[in-house]
Amino acid sequence: MVFPLSFTEFLHFKNLTFDLDAINYVADEKAELLKALDEYLKYGALPEIVLADEDRKIEIAHSYYQTVIRRDIIERHKIKNEEAIKAVLRLLLNSTSYSISKVYNTLKSLNYEIGKTTLQHYLSYIENSYFMISLPIFSYKIKDQMQYARKVYFIDSVFINAISTKFSKDQGRLYENIVAVELCRKKAENPLLDFYYWKNSRHEEVDFVVKNGTEIEQLIQVCYDISEVDTKKRELRILVKASKELRCSKLLVITEDYEAKEQFKGTKIEFVPLWKWLVSAKSMK
């Protein structure tokens, strides 16, 4: 898999350097770093797009997208029903998760003639093109992993912004997508790593379960805005529930700009801003 630039590589591409140890005490540098992170989230990290003028970035993203569809999916797999697979891609770009049944029923309601087996092939082709990343639910039963909906992410956040038809900016989704890509980058370095999401019978979720070999190493919740007291309590309560069920004590909440180490119901939880997690060599240690 060829990854877009990491955030550190992105900063080097932009010729931006920061004293990360002192950045919380230098307002101008902090503002510049957060501005760079916002660009990284909005326009992604494909080198050609990073170096392009702002008014051409979305145009280039559309060109990349069309190349992926045409060369890496349709032509490679000799797909005849081009409109159907384009519809599948549009559905995925506008979703945070998918199941075969849900996608199948949606396509059927839109009068696309496609069988479930063909749909499974299409989803496999999309993922094998390295355009999409899908995350299974954490379960010790393979049947559950196959049966339950999979979370969906994309190799670069620019595709969510440029191709998705949603009109409002979903910063939380972009944060989660960036974390998913970074975790996949770590997996490329350490093949023993695997990633899942956790969900219980009450539909409460933890975004990422990090498994290293046979051990559950870390639980990660991505929470862009942690300022609301009720939101914070809810997210921490769910994280602690998962911690007890999975017997994992290393808990992390990735935020916009909140950093702390706290106790919640007797459990230690670390809060780290996204930018710091991305540039830290210790983010997965």
Protein backbone atom coordinates (compact mmCIF):
# COMPACT_ATOMS: atom_id res chain seq x y z
CA MET A 1 0.00 0.00 0.00
CA VAL A 2 1.28 3.47 -0.90
CA PHE A 3 0.23 5.97 1.75
CA PRO A 4 -0.30 9.71 1.45
CA LEU A 5 2.17 11.88 3.36
CA SER A 6 2.15 11.52 7.12
CA PHE A 7 1.50 14.78 9.00
CA THR A 8 5.22 15.10 9.76
CA GLU A 9 6.06 14.60 6.07
CA PHE A 10 3.33 17.09 5.17
CA LEU A 11 4.93 19.72 7.42
CA HIS A 12 8.32 19.09 5.78
CA PHE A 13 6.71 19.43 2.33
CA LYS A 14 5.32 22.80 3.42
CA ASN A 15 8.71 23.81 4.88
CA LEU A 16 7.13 24.25 8.30
CA THR A 17 9.19 23.60 11.41
CA PHE A 18 8.06 23.85 15.02
CA ASP A 19 9.57 23.48 18.47
CA LEU A 20 7.02 20.91 19.61
CA ASP A 21 8.24 20.98 23.22
CA ALA A 22 7.50 24.69 23.49
CA ILE A 23 4.57 25.03 21.12
CA ASN A 24 1.90 25.26 23.84
CA TYR A 25 3.65 28.40 25.09
CA VAL A 26 4.04 30.17 21.74
CA ALA A 27 0.63 31.30 20.51
CA ASP A 28 1.66 32.23 16.96
CA GLU A 29 3.40 28.89 16.34
CA LYS A 30 0.46 26.97 17.81
CA ALA A 31 -1.95 28.83 15.52
CA GLU A 32 0.24 28.10 12.49
CA LEU A 33 0.45 24.39 13.38
CA LEU A 34 -3.34 24.12 13.80
CA LYS A 35 -3.80 25.93 10.48
CA ALA A 36 -1.53 23.33 8.85
CA LEU A 37 -3.54 20.53 10.47
CA ASP A 38 -6.76 22.05 9.13
CA GLU A 39 -5.29 22.05 5.60
CA TYR A 40 -4.14 18.44 6.10
CA LEU A 41 -7.69 17.47 7.07
CA LYS A 42 -9.37 19.46 4.30
CA TYR A 43 -7.12 18.75 1.31
CA GLY A 44 -5.37 15.58 2.41
CA ALA A 45 -1.76 14.61 1.83
CA LEU A 46 -1.31 13.43 -1.75
CA PRO A 47 1.96 15.18 -2.76
CA GLU A 48 0.59 16.68 -6.00
CA ILE A 49 -2.34 18.18 -4.10
CA VAL A 50 -0.16 19.45 -1.24
CA LEU A 51 2.05 21.35 -3.69
CA ALA A 52 -0.81 22.65 -5.87
CA ASP A 53 -2.40 26.09 -5.62
CA GLU A 54 -5.50 26.06 -3.45
CA ASP A 55 -7.88 26.70 -6.35
CA ARG A 56 -6.66 23.49 -8.08
CA LYS A 57 -6.60 21.08 -5.13
CA ILE A 58 -10.21 19.85 -5.42
CA GLU A 59 -9.89 19.54 -9.21
CA ILE A 60 -6.82 17.30 -8.79
CA ALA A 61 -8.64 15.23 -6.16
CA HIS A 62 -11.49 14.60 -8.63
CA SER A 63 -8.92 13.55 -11.23
CA TYR A 64 -7.34 11.07 -8.79
CA TYR A 65 -10.78 9.70 -7.94
CA GLN A 66 -11.69 9.15 -11.59
CA THR A 67 -8.33 7.41 -12.17
CA VAL A 68 -8.95 5.04 -9.26
CA ILE A 69 -12.42 4.18 -10.55
CA ARG A 70 -11.37 3.74 -14.16
CA ARG A 71 -7.89 2.18 -13.99
CA ASP A 72 -7.70 0.45 -10.61
CA ILE A 73 -11.25 -0.89 -10.41
CA ILE A 74 -13.29 -0.93 -13.64
CA GLU A 75 -10.53 -1.77 -16.14
CA ARG A 76 -8.53 -4.04 -13.85
CA HIS A 77 -11.54 -6.19 -12.98
CA LYS A 78 -13.33 -5.82 -16.33
CA ILE A 79 -16.51 -4.49 -14.74
CA LYS A 80 -19.39 -4.07 -17.17
CA ASN A 81 -21.92 -2.44 -14.84
CA GLU A 82 -19.97 0.79 -14.39
CA GLU A 83 -22.89 2.81 -13.06
CA ALA A 84 -23.52 0.29 -10.28
CA ILE A 85 -19.98 0.35 -8.93
CA LYS A 86 -19.90 4.16 -9.14
CA ALA A 87 -23.11 4.17 -7.09
CA VAL A 88 -21.48 1.86 -4.52
CA LEU A 89 -18.55 4.26 -4.21
CA ARG A 90 -20.87 7.25 -3.76
CA LEU A 91 -22.77 5.41 -1.03
CA LEU A 92 -19.55 4.55 0.79
CA LEU A 93 -18.19 8.10 0.59
CA ASN A 94 -21.37 9.36 2.22
CA SER A 95 -21.41 6.70 4.94
CA THR A 96 -19.42 5.95 8.08
CA SER A 97 -20.19 2.22 7.96
CA TYR A 98 -21.70 -0.37 5.66
CA SER A 99 -23.13 -3.85 5.59
CA ILE A 100 -23.72 -5.95 2.48
CA SER A 101 -27.46 -6.05 3.14
CA LYS A 102 -27.78 -2.30 3.68
CA VAL A 103 -25.84 -1.40 0.52
CA TYR A 104 -27.71 -4.05 -1.47
CA ASN A 105 -31.12 -2.78 -0.34
CA THR A 106 -30.19 0.83 -1.06
CA LEU A 107 -29.01 -0.05 -4.57
CA LYS A 108 -32.16 -2.07 -5.16
CA SER A 109 -34.32 0.90 -4.11
CA LEU A 110 -32.42 2.99 -6.67
CA ASN A 111 -33.17 0.41 -9.40
CA TYR A 112 -29.64 -0.92 -9.77
CA GLU A 113 -29.68 -4.57 -10.80
CA ILE A 114 -26.87 -6.20 -8.87
CA GLY A 115 -26.71 -9.43 -6.88
CA LYS A 116 -25.24 -9.76 -3.40
CA THR A 117 -22.33 -11.88 -4.62
CA THR A 118 -21.44 -9.28 -7.26
CA LEU A 119 -21.73 -6.56 -4.62
CA GLN A 120 -19.30 -8.46 -2.39
CA HIS A 121 -16.87 -8.62 -5.31
CA TYR A 122 -17.27 -4.88 -5.92
CA LEU A 123 -16.54 -4.04 -2.28
CA SER A 124 -13.49 -6.29 -2.38
CA TYR A 125 -12.24 -4.59 -5.56
CA ILE A 126 -12.65 -1.15 -3.97
CA GLU A 127 -10.74 -2.15 -0.85
CA ASN A 128 -8.00 -3.92 -2.83
CA SER A 129 -7.46 -0.72 -4.82
CA TYR A 130 -6.31 0.80 -1.48
CA PHE A 131 -8.86 3.56 -1.90
CA MET A 132 -10.96 2.38 1.03
CA ILE A 133 -10.16 0.96 4.47
CA SER A 134 -12.82 -1.09 6.25
CA LEU A 135 -12.77 -2.01 9.91
CA PRO A 136 -14.59 -5.06 11.31
CA ILE A 137 -16.26 -5.20 14.70
CA PHE A 138 -14.11 -6.69 17.46
CA SER A 139 -15.29 -10.19 18.27
CA TYR A 140 -13.68 -13.51 19.03
CA LYS A 141 -16.21 -15.04 16.63
CA ILE A 142 -15.31 -14.82 12.94
CA LYS A 143 -19.03 -15.05 12.11
CA ASP A 144 -19.68 -11.78 13.98
CA GLN A 145 -16.85 -10.03 12.17
CA MET A 146 -18.34 -11.11 8.85
CA GLN A 147 -21.96 -10.42 9.80
CA TYR A 148 -21.83 -7.01 11.48
CA ALA A 149 -21.42 -3.68 9.68
CA ARG A 150 -17.88 -2.53 8.92
CA LYS A 151 -16.68 1.00 9.59
CA VAL A 152 -15.46 2.70 6.43
CA TYR A 153 -12.54 5.08 5.94
CA PHE A 154 -10.65 6.40 2.92
CA ILE A 155 -6.94 6.49 2.17
CA ASP A 156 -7.02 10.29 2.06
CA SER A 157 -9.47 12.70 3.68
CA VAL A 158 -9.59 14.89 0.56
CA PHE A 159 -11.91 12.32 -1.05
CA ILE A 160 -14.47 12.77 1.73
CA ASN A 161 -14.36 16.55 1.28
CA ALA A 162 -14.18 16.62 -2.52
CA ILE A 163 -16.43 13.74 -3.57
CA SER A 164 -18.92 13.31 -0.73
CA THR A 165 -22.26 15.03 -1.39
CA LYS A 166 -22.73 16.10 2.23
CA PHE A 167 -22.97 19.86 2.55
CA SER A 168 -21.81 20.31 6.13
CA LYS A 169 -18.23 19.81 7.28
CA ASP A 170 -17.97 16.82 9.62
CA GLN A 171 -14.76 17.51 11.50
CA GLY A 172 -15.25 14.48 13.75
CA ARG A 173 -15.37 12.15 10.74
CA LEU A 174 -12.22 13.71 9.28
CA TYR A 175 -10.38 13.26 12.59
CA GLU A 176 -11.43 9.62 12.75
CA ASN A 177 -10.39 9.05 9.14
CA ILE A 178 -6.93 10.52 9.75
CA VAL A 179 -6.48 8.25 12.78
CA ALA A 180 -7.55 5.18 10.77
CA VAL A 181 -5.01 5.93 8.02
CA GLU A 182 -2.25 6.50 10.57
CA LEU A 183 -3.05 3.19 12.26
CA CYS A 184 -2.81 1.44 8.88
CA ARG A 185 0.57 3.11 8.41
CA LYS A 186 1.65 1.58 11.74
CA LYS A 187 0.35 -1.82 10.61
CA ALA A 188 2.52 -1.60 7.50
CA GLU A 189 5.51 -1.22 9.84
CA ASN A 190 4.31 -3.95 12.21
CA PRO A 191 2.17 -6.66 10.54
CA LEU A 192 1.19 -8.05 13.97
CA LEU A 193 -1.03 -5.02 14.52
CA ASP A 194 -4.74 -5.30 13.78
CA PHE A 195 -7.54 -2.79 14.25
CA TYR A 196 -11.23 -3.13 14.99
CA TYR A 197 -14.07 -1.10 16.43
CA TRP A 198 -15.98 -2.15 19.54
CA LYS A 199 -19.74 -2.08 19.89
CA ASN A 200 -22.04 -3.50 22.56
CA SER A 201 -25.70 -4.51 22.58
CA ARG A 202 -26.69 -0.93 23.48
CA HIS A 203 -24.99 0.31 20.28
CA GLU A 204 -22.30 2.11 22.25
CA GLU A 205 -19.03 2.28 20.31
CA VAL A 206 -15.30 2.70 20.77
CA ASP A 207 -13.66 3.84 17.56
CA PHE A 208 -10.51 1.72 17.58
CA VAL A 209 -9.40 -1.47 19.30
CA VAL A 210 -5.65 -1.90 18.74
CA LYS A 211 -4.56 -5.54 18.84
CA ASN A 212 -0.89 -6.49 18.77
CA GLY A 213 -0.55 -10.20 18.11
CA THR A 214 -2.87 -11.88 20.60
CA GLU A 215 -2.94 -8.93 23.03
CA ILE A 216 -5.37 -6.01 23.02
CA GLU A 217 -2.90 -3.17 23.38
CA GLN A 218 -4.96 0.01 23.39
CA LEU A 219 -8.46 1.45 23.03
CA ILE A 220 -8.79 4.76 21.18
CA GLN A 221 -11.80 7.06 21.16
CA VAL A 222 -11.74 10.01 18.77
CA CYS A 223 -13.67 12.97 20.14
CA TYR A 224 -13.16 16.22 18.26
CA ASP A 225 -15.06 18.38 20.76
CA ILE A 226 -14.71 17.27 24.37
CA SER A 227 -15.82 20.61 25.88
CA GLU A 228 -19.40 19.57 26.69
CA VAL A 229 -19.49 17.89 30.11
CA ASP A 230 -22.23 15.42 29.14
CA THR A 231 -20.44 14.47 25.91
CA LYS A 232 -17.20 13.87 27.77
CA LYS A 233 -18.88 11.72 30.43
CA ARG A 234 -20.67 9.65 27.80
CA GLU A 235 -17.52 8.99 25.79
CA LEU A 236 -15.50 8.08 28.88
CA ARG A 237 -18.24 5.84 30.25
CA ILE A 238 -18.30 3.87 26.98
CA LEU A 239 -14.50 3.68 26.90
CA VAL A 240 -14.39 2.31 30.46
CA LYS A 241 -17.10 -0.26 29.63
CA ALA A 242 -15.03 -1.52 26.71
CA SER A 243 -11.91 -1.47 28.88
CA LYS A 244 -13.49 -3.79 31.42
CA GLU A 245 -14.93 -6.15 28.82
CA LEU A 246 -11.69 -6.37 26.82
CA ARG A 247 -9.38 -6.16 29.85
CA CYS A 248 -7.37 -3.34 28.38
CA SER A 249 -6.05 -0.58 30.65
CA LYS A 250 -4.37 1.64 28.05
CA LEU A 251 -7.07 4.14 27.10
CA LEU A 252 -6.64 7.14 24.83
CA VAL A 253 -8.98 9.93 23.74
CA ILE A 254 -7.82 11.91 20.69
CA THR A 255 -9.16 15.47 20.78
CA GLU A 256 -8.96 18.76 18.92
CA ASP A 257 -6.71 20.50 21.44
CA TYR A 258 -7.31 19.08 24.93
CA GLU A 259 -4.43 17.36 26.69
CA ALA A 260 -4.57 15.75 30.13
CA LYS A 261 -4.30 12.57 32.16
CA GLU A 262 -7.43 11.91 34.18
CA GLN A 263 -9.16 9.27 36.26
CA PHE A 264 -12.71 8.24 35.45
CA LYS A 265 -14.40 5.72 37.73
CA GLY A 266 -10.99 4.58 38.91
CA THR A 267 -9.60 4.13 35.39
CA LYS A 268 -6.70 6.15 33.96
CA ILE A 269 -7.43 7.86 30.64
CA GLU A 270 -5.06 9.95 28.53
CA PHE A 271 -6.24 12.84 26.34
CA VAL A 272 -4.00 13.90 23.44
CA PRO A 273 -4.62 16.46 20.66
CA LEU A 274 -4.65 14.96 17.17
CA TRP A 275 -1.66 17.01 15.98
CA LYS A 276 0.45 15.78 18.89
CA TRP A 277 -0.56 12.15 18.39
CA LEU A 278 0.33 12.40 14.70
CA VAL A 279 3.80 13.85 15.24
CA SER A 280 4.69 11.77 18.29
CA ALA A 281 6.98 8.79 17.68
CA LYS A 282 5.51 7.36 20.87
CA SER A 283 1.92 7.38 19.61
CA MET A 284 1.81 3.59 19.35
CA LYS A 285 4.28 2.63 22.07
